Amino acid sequence: MNLSIVIPARNEAEAIIGLAEAIDRAMAGFTPFEIIVVDDGSDDDSVARLEARAATLPHLRLVRHALSAGQSAAVHSGVQAARAQIVLTLDGDGQNPPEELPRLAAVLLADTTRRIGLVAGQRVRRQDT
């Protein structure tokens, strides 16, 4: 795997499949890649939806927390499960546009000196509760 995209998610049943599909489309030029959704103890039908979609979306993998441990723990679990040396993260709430992932990845992939360790985007219009 050249790239792993980690998505921490909890109770995102309504958005997670659309997000995974949008990431799959956005990253089509970056093969191979994987999408790792870390389900952080969801009590909705997120897991069932992800398992069903993973059967037909080969880039999609699911990591599960039995109990919610929080976003940081979910990101950590996803990075630990990643098969690639380059890991991109994206929240599961759909507020970050997956179309920006190729721009972030390109910077890291172009750095042949390995001097860049982190590239970050900034969410301009947050909609937190």
N, C-alpha and C. Protein backbone atom coordinates (compact mmCIF):
# COMPACT_ATOMS: atom_id res chain seq x y z
N MET A 1 0.83 -1.18 0.00
CA MET A 1 0.00 0.00 0.00
C MET A 1 0.88 1.25 0.00
N ASN A 2 0.57 2.17 -0.85
CA ASN A 2 1.28 3.44 -0.86
C ASN A 2 0.70 4.44 0.13
N LEU A 3 -0.62 4.41 0.28
CA LEU A 3 -1.31 5.35 1.16
C LEU A 3 -2.38 4.65 1.97
N SER A 4 -2.50 5.08 3.21
CA SER A 4 -3.61 4.64 4.05
C SER A 4 -4.37 5.88 4.49
N ILE A 5 -5.68 5.84 4.37
CA ILE A 5 -6.52 6.93 4.83
C ILE A 5 -7.30 6.40 6.03
N VAL A 6 -7.12 7.04 7.17
CA VAL A 6 -7.75 6.60 8.42
C VAL A 6 -8.89 7.55 8.76
N ILE A 7 -10.05 6.97 9.04
CA ILE A 7 -11.23 7.74 9.39
C ILE A 7 -11.73 7.27 10.76
N PRO A 8 -11.55 8.07 11.81
CA PRO A 8 -12.19 7.72 13.08
C PRO A 8 -13.68 8.07 13.00
N ALA A 9 -14.53 7.17 13.44
CA ALA A 9 -15.97 7.42 13.31
C ALA A 9 -16.73 6.77 14.45
N ARG A 10 -17.74 7.47 14.92
CA ARG A 10 -18.65 6.93 15.92
C ARG A 10 -20.06 7.39 15.58
N ASN A 11 -20.94 6.43 15.38
CA ASN A 11 -22.34 6.70 15.05
C ASN A 11 -22.48 7.62 13.83
N GLU A 12 -21.80 7.26 12.77
CA GLU A 12 -21.84 8.02 11.53
C GLU A 12 -22.55 7.23 10.42
N ALA A 13 -23.53 6.40 10.78
CA ALA A 13 -24.18 5.51 9.82
C ALA A 13 -24.73 6.26 8.61
N GLU A 14 -25.25 7.44 8.82
CA GLU A 14 -25.86 8.18 7.72
C GLU A 14 -24.84 8.75 6.74
N ALA A 15 -23.60 8.94 7.19
CA ALA A 15 -22.61 9.63 6.35
C ALA A 15 -21.43 8.77 5.93
N ILE A 16 -21.13 7.71 6.66
CA ILE A 16 -19.85 7.03 6.49
C ILE A 16 -19.68 6.35 5.13
N ILE A 17 -20.71 5.76 4.60
CA ILE A 17 -20.58 5.08 3.30
C ILE A 17 -20.35 6.10 2.19
N GLY A 18 -21.11 7.17 2.20
CA GLY A 18 -20.90 8.23 1.21
C GLY A 18 -19.50 8.82 1.30
N LEU A 19 -19.00 8.97 2.53
CA LEU A 19 -17.65 9.49 2.73
C LEU A 19 -16.61 8.51 2.18
N ALA A 20 -16.75 7.24 2.49
CA ALA A 20 -15.81 6.23 1.99
C ALA A 20 -15.82 6.20 0.46
N GLU A 21 -17.00 6.29 -0.13
CA GLU A 21 -17.10 6.28 -1.59
C GLU A 21 -16.47 7.54 -2.19
N ALA A 22 -16.65 8.69 -1.54
CA ALA A 22 -16.05 9.93 -2.03
C ALA A 22 -14.52 9.87 -1.93
N ILE A 23 -14.02 9.27 -0.87
CA ILE A 23 -12.57 9.09 -0.73
C ILE A 23 -12.06 8.15 -1.82
N ASP A 24 -12.79 7.08 -2.05
CA ASP A 24 -12.40 6.13 -3.10
C ASP A 24 -12.31 6.84 -4.46
N ARG A 25 -13.26 7.68 -4.77
CA ARG A 25 -13.23 8.42 -6.05
C ARG A 25 -12.07 9.42 -6.07
N ALA A 26 -11.90 10.15 -4.96
CA ALA A 26 -10.85 11.17 -4.90
C ALA A 26 -9.45 10.58 -5.02
N MET A 27 -9.27 9.39 -4.48
CA MET A 27 -7.93 8.78 -4.44
C MET A 27 -7.68 7.81 -5.59
N ALA A 28 -8.56 7.76 -6.57
CA ALA A 28 -8.44 6.80 -7.67
C ALA A 28 -7.09 6.88 -8.37
N GLY A 29 -6.47 8.04 -8.43
CA GLY A 29 -5.17 8.17 -9.09
C GLY A 29 -4.01 7.75 -8.23
N PHE A 30 -4.25 7.38 -7.01
CA PHE A 30 -3.20 7.01 -6.06
C PHE A 30 -3.31 5.54 -5.68
N THR A 31 -3.11 4.67 -6.61
CA THR A 31 -3.20 3.25 -6.27
C THR A 31 -1.81 2.70 -6.05
N PRO A 32 -1.64 1.77 -5.16
CA PRO A 32 -2.67 1.26 -4.26
C PRO A 32 -2.87 2.16 -3.04
N PHE A 33 -4.05 2.08 -2.48
CA PHE A 33 -4.37 2.79 -1.24
C PHE A 33 -5.41 1.98 -0.50
N GLU A 34 -5.58 2.32 0.77
CA GLU A 34 -6.60 1.67 1.59
C GLU A 34 -7.33 2.74 2.39
N ILE A 35 -8.58 2.47 2.67
CA ILE A 35 -9.40 3.33 3.54
C ILE A 35 -9.69 2.51 4.78
N ILE A 36 -9.23 3.00 5.92
CA ILE A 36 -9.46 2.30 7.19
C ILE A 36 -10.44 3.13 8.01
N VAL A 37 -11.62 2.60 8.22
CA VAL A 37 -12.58 3.25 9.10
C VAL A 37 -12.45 2.59 10.47
N VAL A 38 -12.18 3.42 11.47
CA VAL A 38 -12.09 2.91 12.83
C VAL A 38 -13.41 3.25 13.51
N ASP A 39 -14.22 2.23 13.70
CA ASP A 39 -15.50 2.41 14.37
C ASP A 39 -15.23 2.47 15.88
N ASP A 40 -15.51 3.60 16.47
CA ASP A 40 -15.21 3.83 17.88
C ASP A 40 -16.42 3.52 18.76
N GLY A 41 -16.84 2.26 18.75
CA GLY A 41 -17.92 1.82 19.62
C GLY A 41 -19.29 2.31 19.23
N SER A 42 -19.56 2.42 17.95
CA SER A 42 -20.87 2.89 17.50
C SER A 42 -21.99 2.00 18.02
N ASP A 43 -23.14 2.63 18.33
CA ASP A 43 -24.31 1.84 18.71
C ASP A 43 -25.45 2.03 17.70
N ASP A 44 -25.11 2.56 16.52
CA ASP A 44 -26.08 2.61 15.42
C ASP A 44 -25.71 1.49 14.44
N ASP A 45 -26.17 1.56 13.21
CA ASP A 45 -25.85 0.47 12.28
C ASP A 45 -24.65 0.78 11.37
N SER A 46 -23.74 1.61 11.86
CA SER A 46 -22.52 1.93 11.10
C SER A 46 -21.75 0.68 10.70
N VAL A 47 -21.53 -0.21 11.65
CA VAL A 47 -20.72 -1.40 11.39
C VAL A 47 -21.36 -2.27 10.32
N ALA A 48 -22.66 -2.51 10.42
CA ALA A 48 -23.35 -3.34 9.42
C ALA A 48 -23.23 -2.72 8.03
N ARG A 49 -23.41 -1.42 7.95
CA ARG A 49 -23.30 -0.75 6.66
C ARG A 49 -21.88 -0.84 6.11
N LEU A 50 -20.88 -0.65 6.98
CA LEU A 50 -19.49 -0.73 6.54
C LEU A 50 -19.11 -2.13 6.10
N GLU A 51 -19.56 -3.13 6.85
CA GLU A 51 -19.25 -4.51 6.47
C GLU A 51 -19.88 -4.86 5.13
N ALA A 52 -21.09 -4.42 4.91
CA ALA A 52 -21.75 -4.69 3.63
C ALA A 52 -21.04 -3.99 2.48
N ARG A 53 -20.65 -2.75 2.68
CA ARG A 53 -19.98 -2.00 1.61
C ARG A 53 -18.56 -2.50 1.36
N ALA A 54 -17.88 -2.97 2.40
CA ALA A 54 -16.52 -3.49 2.25
C ALA A 54 -16.48 -4.70 1.32
N ALA A 55 -17.59 -5.41 1.22
CA ALA A 55 -17.65 -6.57 0.33
C ALA A 55 -17.51 -6.17 -1.14
N THR A 56 -17.87 -4.93 -1.46
CA THR A 56 -17.80 -4.48 -2.85
C THR A 56 -16.86 -3.30 -3.07
N LEU A 57 -16.26 -2.80 -2.02
CA LEU A 57 -15.30 -1.69 -2.12
C LEU A 57 -13.97 -2.23 -1.59
N PRO A 58 -13.11 -2.73 -2.47
CA PRO A 58 -11.92 -3.47 -2.04
C PRO A 58 -10.91 -2.66 -1.23
N HIS A 59 -10.95 -1.34 -1.32
CA HIS A 59 -10.00 -0.51 -0.57
C HIS A 59 -10.42 -0.31 0.88
N LEU A 60 -11.65 -0.69 1.23
CA LEU A 60 -12.22 -0.39 2.54
C LEU A 60 -11.92 -1.49 3.55
N ARG A 61 -11.37 -1.06 4.70
CA ARG A 61 -11.13 -1.97 5.83
C ARG A 61 -11.80 -1.39 7.06
N LEU A 62 -12.19 -2.25 7.97
CA LEU A 62 -12.86 -1.83 9.20
C LEU A 62 -12.07 -2.30 10.41
N VAL A 63 -11.81 -1.36 11.31
CA VAL A 63 -11.21 -1.66 12.61
C VAL A 63 -12.26 -1.25 13.62
N ARG A 64 -12.46 -2.08 14.65
CA ARG A 64 -13.52 -1.79 15.60
C ARG A 64 -13.01 -1.67 17.02
N HIS A 65 -13.56 -0.69 17.73
CA HIS A 65 -13.39 -0.59 19.17
C HIS A 65 -14.70 -1.11 19.78
N ALA A 66 -14.60 -2.01 20.73
CA ALA A 66 -15.80 -2.54 21.38
C ALA A 66 -16.53 -1.44 22.16
N LEU A 67 -15.75 -0.56 22.75
CA LEU A 67 -16.30 0.58 23.50
C LEU A 67 -15.67 1.85 22.97
N SER A 68 -16.38 2.94 23.08
CA SER A 68 -15.85 4.22 22.61
C SER A 68 -14.64 4.62 23.46
N ALA A 69 -13.54 4.93 22.77
CA ALA A 69 -12.32 5.35 23.45
C ALA A 69 -11.94 6.77 23.03
N GLY A 70 -12.71 7.38 22.13
CA GLY A 70 -12.44 8.74 21.70
C GLY A 70 -11.70 8.82 20.37
N GLN A 71 -11.73 10.01 19.80
CA GLN A 71 -11.16 10.22 18.48
C GLN A 71 -9.66 9.95 18.43
N SER A 72 -8.92 10.41 19.42
CA SER A 72 -7.47 10.20 19.41
C SER A 72 -7.12 8.72 19.44
N ALA A 73 -7.82 7.96 20.25
CA ALA A 73 -7.58 6.51 20.30
C ALA A 73 -7.95 5.84 18.99
N ALA A 74 -9.02 6.33 18.35
CA ALA A 74 -9.42 5.76 17.07
C ALA A 74 -8.39 6.06 16.00
N VAL A 75 -7.86 7.27 15.98
CA VAL A 75 -6.80 7.60 15.02
C VAL A 75 -5.58 6.70 15.28
N HIS A 76 -5.22 6.55 16.54
CA HIS A 76 -4.08 5.70 16.90
C HIS A 76 -4.29 4.27 16.41
N SER A 77 -5.47 3.72 16.64
CA SER A 77 -5.76 2.35 16.18
C SER A 77 -5.65 2.25 14.66
N GLY A 78 -6.15 3.26 13.97
CA GLY A 78 -6.08 3.26 12.51
C GLY A 78 -4.67 3.33 11.99
N VAL A 79 -3.86 4.18 12.60
CA VAL A 79 -2.45 4.29 12.19
C VAL A 79 -1.72 2.98 12.47
N GLN A 80 -2.01 2.35 13.59
CA GLN A 80 -1.39 1.06 13.91
C GLN A 80 -1.80 -0.01 12.90
N ALA A 81 -3.01 0.05 12.40
CA ALA A 81 -3.49 -0.95 11.44
C ALA A 81 -3.06 -0.65 10.01
N ALA A 82 -2.60 0.56 9.76
CA ALA A 82 -2.25 0.97 8.40
C ALA A 82 -1.13 0.12 7.82
N ARG A 83 -1.25 -0.18 6.55
CA ARG A 83 -0.24 -0.95 5.84
C ARG A 83 0.76 -0.06 5.11
N ALA A 84 0.46 1.22 5.00
CA ALA A 84 1.31 2.15 4.27
C ALA A 84 2.19 2.95 5.22
N GLN A 85 3.25 3.50 4.65
CA GLN A 85 4.10 4.39 5.43
C GLN A 85 3.54 5.80 5.49
N ILE A 86 2.71 6.15 4.53
CA ILE A 86 2.07 7.46 4.51
C ILE A 86 0.61 7.28 4.91
N VAL A 87 0.21 8.00 5.95
CA VAL A 87 -1.14 7.90 6.48
C VAL A 87 -1.79 9.28 6.45
N LEU A 88 -2.97 9.32 5.89
CA LEU A 88 -3.79 10.53 5.89
C LEU A 88 -4.97 10.28 6.82
N THR A 89 -5.41 11.31 7.53
CA THR A 89 -6.57 11.14 8.40
C THR A 89 -7.66 12.12 7.98
N LEU A 90 -8.88 11.71 8.22
CA LEU A 90 -10.03 12.51 7.86
C LEU A 90 -11.15 12.17 8.83
N ASP A 91 -11.78 13.17 9.44
CA ASP A 91 -12.88 12.90 10.37
C ASP A 91 -14.05 12.24 9.65
N GLY A 92 -14.79 11.43 10.38
CA GLY A 92 -15.92 10.72 9.83
C GLY A 92 -17.20 11.53 9.73
N ASP A 93 -17.17 12.79 10.17
CA ASP A 93 -18.40 13.59 10.17
C ASP A 93 -18.70 14.25 8.83
N GLY A 94 -17.83 14.09 7.85
CA GLY A 94 -18.08 14.61 6.52
C GLY A 94 -17.81 16.09 6.34
N GLN A 95 -17.23 16.76 7.32
CA GLN A 95 -16.97 18.20 7.20
C GLN A 95 -15.68 18.50 6.43
N ASN A 96 -14.81 17.51 6.29
CA ASN A 96 -13.58 17.71 5.52
C ASN A 96 -13.78 17.14 4.13
N PRO A 97 -13.50 17.92 3.08
CA PRO A 97 -13.74 17.41 1.73
C PRO A 97 -12.68 16.38 1.30
N PRO A 98 -13.10 15.19 0.95
CA PRO A 98 -12.17 14.16 0.50
C PRO A 98 -11.39 14.58 -0.75
N GLU A 99 -11.93 15.51 -1.50
CA GLU A 99 -11.26 15.98 -2.71
C GLU A 99 -9.93 16.66 -2.40
N GLU A 100 -9.71 17.06 -1.15
CA GLU A 100 -8.44 17.68 -0.75
C GLU A 100 -7.35 16.66 -0.44
N LEU A 101 -7.72 15.41 -0.22
CA LEU A 101 -6.73 14.39 0.14
C LEU A 101 -5.62 14.23 -0.90
N PRO A 102 -5.92 14.21 -2.20
CA PRO A 102 -4.82 14.08 -3.17
C PRO A 102 -3.79 15.21 -3.07
N ARG A 103 -4.23 16.41 -2.76
CA ARG A 103 -3.28 17.53 -2.60
C ARG A 103 -2.36 17.29 -1.42
N LEU A 104 -2.91 16.80 -0.32
CA LEU A 104 -2.09 16.51 0.85
C LEU A 104 -1.12 15.36 0.56
N ALA A 105 -1.62 14.32 -0.08
CA ALA A 105 -0.80 13.16 -0.39
C ALA A 105 0.33 13.52 -1.35
N ALA A 106 0.03 14.36 -2.33
CA ALA A 106 1.04 14.71 -3.34
C ALA A 106 2.26 15.36 -2.72
N VAL A 107 2.06 16.19 -1.71
CA VAL A 107 3.19 16.85 -1.05
C VAL A 107 4.09 15.80 -0.39
N LEU A 108 3.50 14.86 0.30
CA LEU A 108 4.28 13.83 0.97
C LEU A 108 4.96 12.88 -0.02
N LEU A 109 4.25 12.50 -1.06
CA LEU A 109 4.82 11.58 -2.04
C LEU A 109 5.94 12.22 -2.85
N ALA A 110 5.88 13.53 -3.04
CA ALA A 110 6.91 14.23 -3.82
C ALA A 110 8.18 14.47 -3.03
N ASP A 111 8.12 14.34 -1.72
CA ASP A 111 9.27 14.62 -0.86
C ASP A 111 10.23 13.44 -0.84
N THR A 112 11.14 13.37 -1.79
CA THR A 112 12.09 12.26 -1.86
C THR A 112 13.15 12.34 -0.78
N THR A 113 13.32 13.51 -0.16
CA THR A 113 14.31 13.66 0.91
C THR A 113 13.78 13.17 2.25
N ARG A 114 12.48 12.94 2.34
CA ARG A 114 11.81 12.51 3.58
C ARG A 114 12.01 13.53 4.70
N ARG A 115 12.05 14.82 4.33
CA ARG A 115 12.19 15.88 5.32
C ARG A 115 10.83 16.36 5.81
N ILE A 116 9.77 16.07 5.06
CA ILE A 116 8.43 16.48 5.47
C ILE A 116 7.80 15.33 6.24
N GLY A 117 7.39 15.60 7.45
CA GLY A 117 6.78 14.56 8.27
C GLY A 117 5.28 14.72 8.44
N LEU A 118 4.77 15.92 8.16
CA LEU A 118 3.36 16.18 8.39
C LEU A 118 2.88 17.26 7.43
N VAL A 119 1.73 17.04 6.86
CA VAL A 119 1.04 18.04 6.06
C VAL A 119 -0.36 18.12 6.65
N ALA A 120 -0.85 19.32 6.90
CA ALA A 120 -2.16 19.47 7.53
C ALA A 120 -3.03 20.43 6.75
N GLY A 121 -4.31 20.14 6.74
CA GLY A 121 -5.28 21.07 6.18
C GLY A 121 -5.95 21.81 7.32
N GLN A 122 -6.66 22.86 7.00
CA GLN A 122 -7.37 23.61 8.03
C GLN A 122 -8.83 23.75 7.60
N ARG A 123 -9.72 23.33 8.47
CA ARG A 123 -11.15 23.44 8.21
C ARG A 123 -11.56 24.89 8.43
N VAL A 124 -12.10 25.53 7.41
CA VAL A 124 -12.43 26.94 7.48
C VAL A 124 -13.80 27.18 8.10
N ARG A 125 -14.79 26.39 7.72
CA ARG A 125 -16.15 26.59 8.22
C ARG A 125 -16.56 25.42 9.11
N ARG A 126 -16.11 25.45 10.36
CA ARG A 126 -16.44 24.38 11.29
C ARG A 126 -17.92 24.41 11.64
N GLN A 127 -18.49 23.22 11.91
CA GLN A 127 -19.90 23.14 12.31
C GLN A 127 -20.03 22.23 13.52
N ASP A 128 -19.19 22.47 14.50
CA ASP A 128 -19.22 21.66 15.71
C ASP A 128 -20.44 21.96 16.55
N THR A 129 -20.87 20.96 17.31
CA THR A 129 -21.98 21.18 18.24
C THR A 129 -21.44 21.49 19.61
